[in-house]
């Protein structure tokens, strides 16, 4: 099917498919650890999370130190990575660090929701955003809405059906997560979004 397209058409389709691959990987990869946390004791989860995060950081250091390792890594993971990650930490490593920080710093339900906002909002925004019309600081209004609406839905569902907490908490968290995403800060948003949303929810949770 793709082979029948013009060269430009093939480039467009391949770009879309690569984005979809990254989005699915992002959703599953980001949501995996919070999902596991619901079924294992907190201390066991934190020890395991710390070990896995340490392993990811060690691998990043290894591939930066050895070009052959870096080339091998990109050869087999090209569909899941961005070009700039050849010389920077991958988004996955930021996600691992963010997960560890959230579960060390916040109550488990807040940590789970903070990571879920990143898991659903960021990839959906990445899929919808490029097709939007209203651009703001390099991103589109439609992309921001694609981040906010699923995050609100997921946060409400978790707060109501699983955690039994005030819906105000995920509403504030999803809104702050979207604002951080919209600011397009220089720090990787796989780290800033969940940590910022977690801080907001923790603060609101003191009164809600």
C-alpha atoms as a PDB file:
ATOM      1  CA  UNK A   1       0.000   0.000   0.000  1.00  0.00           C
ATOM      2  CA  UNK A   2       2.695   2.499   1.035  1.00  0.00           C
ATOM      3  CA  UNK A   3       4.845   1.467  -1.973  1.00  0.00           C
ATOM      4  CA  UNK A   4       2.141   2.700  -4.378  1.00  0.00           C
ATOM      5  CA  UNK A   5       2.345   6.260  -3.048  1.00  0.00           C
ATOM      6  CA  UNK A   6       4.464   9.054  -4.463  1.00  0.00           C
ATOM      7  CA  UNK A   7       7.812   9.731  -2.730  1.00  0.00           C
ATOM      8  CA  UNK A   8       6.241  12.640  -0.829  1.00  0.00           C
ATOM      9  CA  UNK A   9       3.246  10.492   0.107  1.00  0.00           C
ATOM     10  CA  UNK A  10       5.528   7.751   1.416  1.00  0.00           C
ATOM     11  CA  UNK A  11       7.435  10.259   3.555  1.00  0.00           C
ATOM     12  CA  UNK A  12       4.170  11.597   5.022  1.00  0.00           C
ATOM     13  CA  UNK A  13       2.739   8.138   5.731  1.00  0.00           C
ATOM     14  CA  UNK A  14       6.006   6.893   7.239  1.00  0.00           C
ATOM     15  CA  UNK A  15       6.118   9.982   9.451  1.00  0.00           C
ATOM     16  CA  UNK A  16       2.556   9.360  10.653  1.00  0.00           C
ATOM     17  CA  UNK A  17       3.255   5.677  11.308  1.00  0.00           C
ATOM     18  CA  UNK A  18       6.406   6.533  13.265  1.00  0.00           C
ATOM     19  CA  UNK A  19       4.454   9.037  15.374  1.00  0.00           C
ATOM     20  CA  UNK A  20       1.752   6.441  16.040  1.00  0.00           C
ATOM     21  CA  UNK A  21       4.364   3.848  17.035  1.00  0.00           C
ATOM     22  CA  UNK A  22       5.928   6.309  19.481  1.00  0.00           C
ATOM     23  CA  UNK A  23       2.501   7.259  20.846  1.00  0.00           C
ATOM     24  CA  UNK A  24       1.459   3.667  21.553  1.00  0.00           C
ATOM     25  CA  UNK A  25       4.851   2.941  23.105  1.00  0.00           C
ATOM     26  CA  UNK A  26       4.581   6.105  25.219  1.00  0.00           C
ATOM     27  CA  UNK A  27       1.109   5.221  26.523  1.00  0.00           C
ATOM     28  CA  UNK A  28       1.995   1.632  27.403  1.00  0.00           C
ATOM     29  CA  UNK A  29       5.459   2.428  28.746  1.00  0.00           C
ATOM     30  CA  UNK A  30       4.361   5.350  30.911  1.00  0.00           C
ATOM     31  CA  UNK A  31       1.283   3.602  32.314  1.00  0.00           C
ATOM     32  CA  UNK A  32       3.049   0.301  33.034  1.00  0.00           C
ATOM     33  CA  UNK A  33       4.818   1.256  36.285  1.00  0.00           C
ATOM     34  CA  UNK A  34       1.792   3.046  37.828  1.00  0.00           C
ATOM     35  CA  UNK A  35      -0.282  -0.004  36.954  1.00  0.00           C
ATOM     36  CA  UNK A  36       2.196  -2.320  38.658  1.00  0.00           C
ATOM     37  CA  UNK A  37       2.178  -0.077  41.741  1.00  0.00           C
ATOM     38  CA  UNK A  38      -1.487  -0.935  42.314  1.00  0.00           C
ATOM     39  CA  UNK A  39      -0.675  -4.618  42.839  1.00  0.00           C
ATOM     40  CA  UNK A  40       2.619  -4.754  44.743  1.00  0.00           C
ATOM     41  CA  UNK A  41       3.641  -3.485  48.202  1.00  0.00           C
ATOM     42  CA  UNK A  42       4.938   0.127  48.111  1.00  0.00           C
ATOM     43  CA  UNK A  43       8.426  -0.744  49.407  1.00  0.00           C
ATOM     44  CA  UNK A  44       8.851  -3.519  46.849  1.00  0.00           C
ATOM     45  CA  UNK A  45       7.675  -1.210  44.084  1.00  0.00           C
ATOM     46  CA  UNK A  46      10.054   1.604  45.085  1.00  0.00           C
ATOM     47  CA  UNK A  47      13.039  -0.731  45.345  1.00  0.00           C
ATOM     48  CA  UNK A  48      12.272  -2.227  41.945  1.00  0.00           C
ATOM     49  CA  UNK A  49      11.609   1.191  40.413  1.00  0.00           C
ATOM     50  CA  UNK A  50      14.868   2.526  41.783  1.00  0.00           C
ATOM     51  CA  UNK A  51      16.819  -0.434  40.405  1.00  0.00           C
ATOM     52  CA  UNK A  52      15.253  -0.175  36.943  1.00  0.00           C
ATOM     53  CA  UNK A  53      15.746   3.603  36.822  1.00  0.00           C
ATOM     54  CA  UNK A  54      19.371   3.183  37.835  1.00  0.00           C
ATOM     55  CA  UNK A  55      19.838   0.619  35.067  1.00  0.00           C
ATOM     56  CA  UNK A  56      18.355   3.008  32.491  1.00  0.00           C
ATOM     57  CA  UNK A  57      20.648   5.828  33.598  1.00  0.00           C
ATOM     58  CA  UNK A  58      23.667   3.486  33.502  1.00  0.00           C
ATOM     59  CA  UNK A  59      22.785   2.419  29.963  1.00  0.00           C
ATOM     60  CA  UNK A  60      22.440   6.056  28.873  1.00  0.00           C
ATOM     61  CA  UNK A  61      25.934   6.725  30.207  1.00  0.00           C
ATOM     62  CA  UNK A  62      27.266   3.662  28.394  1.00  0.00           C
ATOM     63  CA  UNK A  63      25.837   4.627  25.015  1.00  0.00           C
ATOM     64  CA  UNK A  64      27.158   8.183  25.351  1.00  0.00           C
ATOM     65  CA  UNK A  65      30.600   6.819  26.177  1.00  0.00           C
ATOM     66  CA  UNK A  66      30.675   4.226  23.387  1.00  0.00           C
ATOM     67  CA  UNK A  67      29.545   5.282  19.909  1.00  0.00           C
ATOM     68  CA  UNK A  68      29.104   1.686  18.740  1.00  0.00           C
ATOM     69  CA  UNK A  69      26.569   1.062  21.516  1.00  0.00           C
ATOM     70  CA  UNK A  70      24.747   4.257  20.573  1.00  0.00           C
ATOM     71  CA  UNK A  71      24.613   3.303  16.893  1.00  0.00           C
ATOM     72  CA  UNK A  72      23.371  -0.199  17.746  1.00  0.00           C
ATOM     73  CA  UNK A  73      20.708   1.257  20.036  1.00  0.00           C
ATOM     74  CA  UNK A  74      19.391   3.625  17.382  1.00  0.00           C
ATOM     75  CA  UNK A  75      19.477   0.984  14.670  1.00  0.00           C
ATOM     76  CA  UNK A  76      17.061  -1.246  16.568  1.00  0.00           C
ATOM     77  CA  UNK A  77      14.934   1.417  18.299  1.00  0.00           C
ATOM     78  CA  UNK A  78      14.733   4.046  15.557  1.00  0.00           C
ATOM     79  CA  UNK A  79      10.925   3.909  15.262  1.00  0.00           C
ATOM     80  CA  UNK A  80      10.514   4.750  18.948  1.00  0.00           C
ATOM     81  CA  UNK A  81      13.073   7.546  19.241  1.00  0.00           C
ATOM     82  CA  UNK A  82      13.489  11.146  18.194  1.00  0.00           C
ATOM     83  CA  UNK A  83      16.538  12.249  16.235  1.00  0.00           C
ATOM     84  CA  UNK A  84      17.837  14.568  18.961  1.00  0.00           C
ATOM     85  CA  UNK A  85      17.931  11.677  21.429  1.00  0.00           C
ATOM     86  CA  UNK A  86      21.108  10.413  19.779  1.00  0.00           C
ATOM     87  CA  UNK A  87      23.023  12.845  22.006  1.00  0.00           C
ATOM     88  CA  UNK A  88      20.503  13.372  24.823  1.00  0.00           C
ATOM     89  CA  UNK A  89      18.714  11.304  27.408  1.00  0.00           C
ATOM     90  CA  UNK A  90      15.783   9.431  25.898  1.00  0.00           C
ATOM     91  CA  UNK A  91      12.225  10.264  26.861  1.00  0.00           C
ATOM     92  CA  UNK A  92      11.940   6.834  28.479  1.00  0.00           C
ATOM     93  CA  UNK A  93      14.701   7.662  30.958  1.00  0.00           C
ATOM     94  CA  UNK A  94      12.968  10.918  31.888  1.00  0.00           C
ATOM     95  CA  UNK A  95       9.753   8.954  32.402  1.00  0.00           C
ATOM     96  CA  UNK A  96      11.517   6.495  34.691  1.00  0.00           C
ATOM     97  CA  UNK A  97      13.051   9.316  36.747  1.00  0.00           C
ATOM     98  CA  UNK A  98       9.694  11.132  36.920  1.00  0.00           C
ATOM     99  CA  UNK A  99       7.933   7.965  38.057  1.00  0.00           C
ATOM    100  CA  UNK A 100      10.448   7.418  40.834  1.00  0.00           C
ATOM    101  CA  UNK A 101      10.246  11.056  41.978  1.00  0.00           C
ATOM    102  CA  UNK A 102       6.439  11.006  42.003  1.00  0.00           C
ATOM    103  CA  UNK A 103       6.131   7.805  44.008  1.00  0.00           C
ATOM    104  CA  UNK A 104       8.776   8.960  46.466  1.00  0.00           C
ATOM    105  CA  UNK A 105       7.225  12.406  46.910  1.00  0.00           C
ATOM    106  CA  UNK A 106       3.454  11.972  46.698  1.00  0.00           C
ATOM    107  CA  UNK A 107       0.709   9.676  47.903  1.00  0.00           C
ATOM    108  CA  UNK A 108       0.309   6.720  45.581  1.00  0.00           C
ATOM    109  CA  UNK A 109      -3.015   7.874  44.113  1.00  0.00           C
ATOM    110  CA  UNK A 110      -1.540  11.265  43.228  1.00  0.00           C
ATOM    111  CA  UNK A 111       1.558   9.661  41.722  1.00  0.00           C
ATOM    112  CA  UNK A 112      -0.586   7.307  39.619  1.00  0.00           C
ATOM    113  CA  UNK A 113      -2.774  10.123  38.286  1.00  0.00           C
ATOM    114  CA  UNK A 114       0.232  12.357  37.551  1.00  0.00           C
ATOM    115  CA  UNK A 115       1.811   9.636  35.431  1.00  0.00           C
ATOM    116  CA  UNK A 116      -1.491   8.784  33.741  1.00  0.00           C
ATOM    117  CA  UNK A 117      -1.863  12.424  32.629  1.00  0.00           C
ATOM    118  CA  UNK A 118       1.501  12.095  30.924  1.00  0.00           C
ATOM    119  CA  UNK A 119       0.641   8.647  29.536  1.00  0.00           C
ATOM    120  CA  UNK A 120      -2.591   9.683  27.812  1.00  0.00           C
ATOM    121  CA  UNK A 121      -2.256  13.429  27.294  1.00  0.00           C
ATOM    122  CA  UNK A 122       1.207  13.768  25.802  1.00  0.00           C
ATOM    123  CA  UNK A 123       0.935  11.181  22.998  1.00  0.00           C
ATOM    124  CA  UNK A 124      -2.613  12.170  22.034  1.00  0.00           C
ATOM    125  CA  UNK A 125      -1.514  15.781  21.880  1.00  0.00           C
ATOM    126  CA  UNK A 126       1.393  14.706  19.683  1.00  0.00           C
ATOM    127  CA  UNK A 127      -0.961  12.948  17.265  1.00  0.00           C
ATOM    128  CA  UNK A 128      -3.636  15.663  17.097  1.00  0.00           C
ATOM    129  CA  UNK A 129      -1.463  18.765  17.516  1.00  0.00           C
ATOM    130  CA  UNK A 130       0.330  18.829  14.139  1.00  0.00           C
ATOM    131  CA  UNK A 131      -3.053  18.928  12.372  1.00  0.00           C
ATOM    132  CA  UNK A 132      -4.293  21.919  14.367  1.00  0.00           C
ATOM    133  CA  UNK A 133      -4.751  25.435  13.047  1.00  0.00           C
ATOM    134  CA  UNK A 134      -4.184  27.646  16.088  1.00  0.00           C
ATOM    135  CA  UNK A 135      -0.467  27.706  16.920  1.00  0.00           C
ATOM    136  CA  UNK A 136       0.849  28.912  20.300  1.00  0.00           C
ATOM    137  CA  UNK A 137       4.574  28.745  21.108  1.00  0.00           C
ATOM    138  CA  UNK A 138       5.223  25.963  18.623  1.00  0.00           C
ATOM    139  CA  UNK A 139       2.186  23.903  19.629  1.00  0.00           C
ATOM    140  CA  UNK A 140      -1.492  24.078  18.722  1.00  0.00           C
ATOM    141  CA  UNK A 141      -4.622  24.801  20.716  1.00  0.00           C
ATOM    142  CA  UNK A 142      -6.115  21.591  19.353  1.00  0.00           C
ATOM    143  CA  UNK A 143      -3.114  19.685  20.683  1.00  0.00           C
ATOM    144  CA  UNK A 144      -3.559  21.227  24.123  1.00  0.00           C
ATOM    145  CA  UNK A 145      -7.227  20.210  24.140  1.00  0.00           C
ATOM    146  CA  UNK A 146      -6.222  16.700  23.085  1.00  0.00           C
ATOM    147  CA  UNK A 147      -4.004  16.671  26.167  1.00  0.00           C
ATOM    148  CA  UNK A 148      -6.541  18.176  28.580  1.00  0.00           C
ATOM    149  CA  UNK A 149      -9.756  16.331  27.745  1.00  0.00           C
ATOM    150  CA  UNK A 150      -8.443  12.723  27.973  1.00  0.00           C
ATOM    151  CA  UNK A 151      -6.470  13.664  31.102  1.00  0.00           C
ATOM    152  CA  UNK A 152      -9.612  15.028  32.757  1.00  0.00           C
ATOM    153  CA  UNK A 153     -11.552  11.890  31.791  1.00  0.00           C
ATOM    154  CA  UNK A 154      -8.841   9.525  33.042  1.00  0.00           C
ATOM    155  CA  UNK A 155      -8.338  11.523  36.244  1.00  0.00           C
ATOM    156  CA  UNK A 156     -12.037  11.613  37.014  1.00  0.00           C
ATOM    157  CA  UNK A 157     -12.412   7.872  36.374  1.00  0.00           C
ATOM    158  CA  UNK A 158      -9.469   7.038  38.645  1.00  0.00           C
ATOM    159  CA  UNK A 159     -10.608   9.398  41.414  1.00  0.00           C
ATOM    160  CA  UNK A 160     -14.203   8.126  41.341  1.00  0.00           C
ATOM    161  CA  UNK A 161     -13.880   4.399  40.670  1.00  0.00           C
ATOM    162  CA  UNK A 162     -10.495   3.541  42.165  1.00  0.00           C
ATOM    163  CA  UNK A 163      -9.287   6.050  44.736  1.00  0.00           C
ATOM    164  CA  UNK A 164     -12.476   7.585  46.144  1.00  0.00           C
ATOM    165  CA  UNK A 165     -11.057  11.107  46.353  1.00  0.00           C
ATOM    166  CA  UNK A 166     -12.455  14.532  45.461  1.00  0.00           C
ATOM    167  CA  UNK A 167     -12.677  15.114  41.679  1.00  0.00           C
ATOM    168  CA  UNK A 168     -11.244  18.581  42.277  1.00  0.00           C
ATOM    169  CA  UNK A 169      -7.820  16.962  42.740  1.00  0.00           C
ATOM    170  CA  UNK A 170      -7.530  15.415  39.244  1.00  0.00           C
ATOM    171  CA  UNK A 171      -9.207  18.446  37.656  1.00  0.00           C
ATOM    172  CA  UNK A 172      -6.485  20.686  39.065  1.00  0.00           C
ATOM    173  CA  UNK A 173      -3.795  18.145  38.212  1.00  0.00           C
ATOM    174  CA  UNK A 174      -4.907  17.711  34.596  1.00  0.00           C
ATOM    175  CA  UNK A 175      -5.187  21.477  34.139  1.00  0.00           C
ATOM    176  CA  UNK A 176      -1.699  22.113  35.541  1.00  0.00           C
ATOM    177  CA  UNK A 177      -0.280  19.263  33.435  1.00  0.00           C
ATOM    178  CA  UNK A 178      -1.797  20.860  30.321  1.00  0.00           C
ATOM    179  CA  UNK A 179      -0.428  24.301  31.225  1.00  0.00           C
ATOM    180  CA  UNK A 180       3.071  22.884  31.695  1.00  0.00           C
ATOM    181  CA  UNK A 181       2.751  21.121  28.352  1.00  0.00           C
ATOM    182  CA  UNK A 182       1.631  24.392  26.736  1.00  0.00           C
ATOM    183  CA  UNK A 183       4.580  26.342  28.175  1.00  0.00           C
ATOM    184  CA  UNK A 184       6.981  24.105  26.233  1.00  0.00           C
ATOM    185  CA  UNK A 185       9.714  24.526  28.853  1.00  0.00           C
ATOM    186  CA  UNK A 186      13.380  23.752  28.059  1.00  0.00           C
ATOM    187  CA  UNK A 187      13.350  20.855  30.556  1.00  0.00           C
ATOM    188  CA  UNK A 188      11.961  17.609  29.109  1.00  0.00           C
ATOM    189  CA  UNK A 189       8.199  17.544  29.700  1.00  0.00           C
ATOM    190  CA  UNK A 190       8.248  13.835  30.509  1.00  0.00           C
ATOM    191  CA  UNK A 191       9.714  15.054  33.798  1.00  0.00           C
ATOM    192  CA  UNK A 192       8.043  18.439  34.329  1.00  0.00           C
ATOM    193  CA  UNK A 193       4.459  17.405  33.543  1.00  0.00           C
ATOM    194  CA  UNK A 194       3.992  14.634  36.153  1.00  0.00           C
ATOM    195  CA  UNK A 195       6.072  16.343  38.844  1.00  0.00           C
ATOM    196  CA  UNK A 196       4.267  19.667  38.355  1.00  0.00           C
ATOM    197  CA  UNK A 197       0.839  18.010  38.265  1.00  0.00           C
ATOM    198  CA  UNK A 198       1.713  15.958  41.345  1.00  0.00           C
ATOM    199  CA  UNK A 199       2.758  19.053  43.298  1.00  0.00           C
ATOM    200  CA  UNK A 200      -0.500  20.793  42.358  1.00  0.00           C
ATOM    201  CA  UNK A 201      -2.628  17.793  43.366  1.00  0.00           C
ATOM    202  CA  UNK A 202      -0.727  17.334  46.621  1.00  0.00           C
ATOM    203  CA  UNK A 203      -1.355  21.009  47.482  1.00  0.00           C
ATOM    204  CA  UNK A 204      -5.064  20.845  46.611  1.00  0.00           C
ATOM    205  CA  UNK A 205      -5.393  17.518  48.415  1.00  0.00           C
ATOM    206  CA  UNK A 206      -4.527  19.206  51.720  1.00  0.00           C
ATOM    207  CA  UNK A 207      -7.889  21.011  51.593  1.00  0.00           C
ATOM    208  CA  UNK A 208     -10.069  18.947  49.229  1.00  0.00           C
END
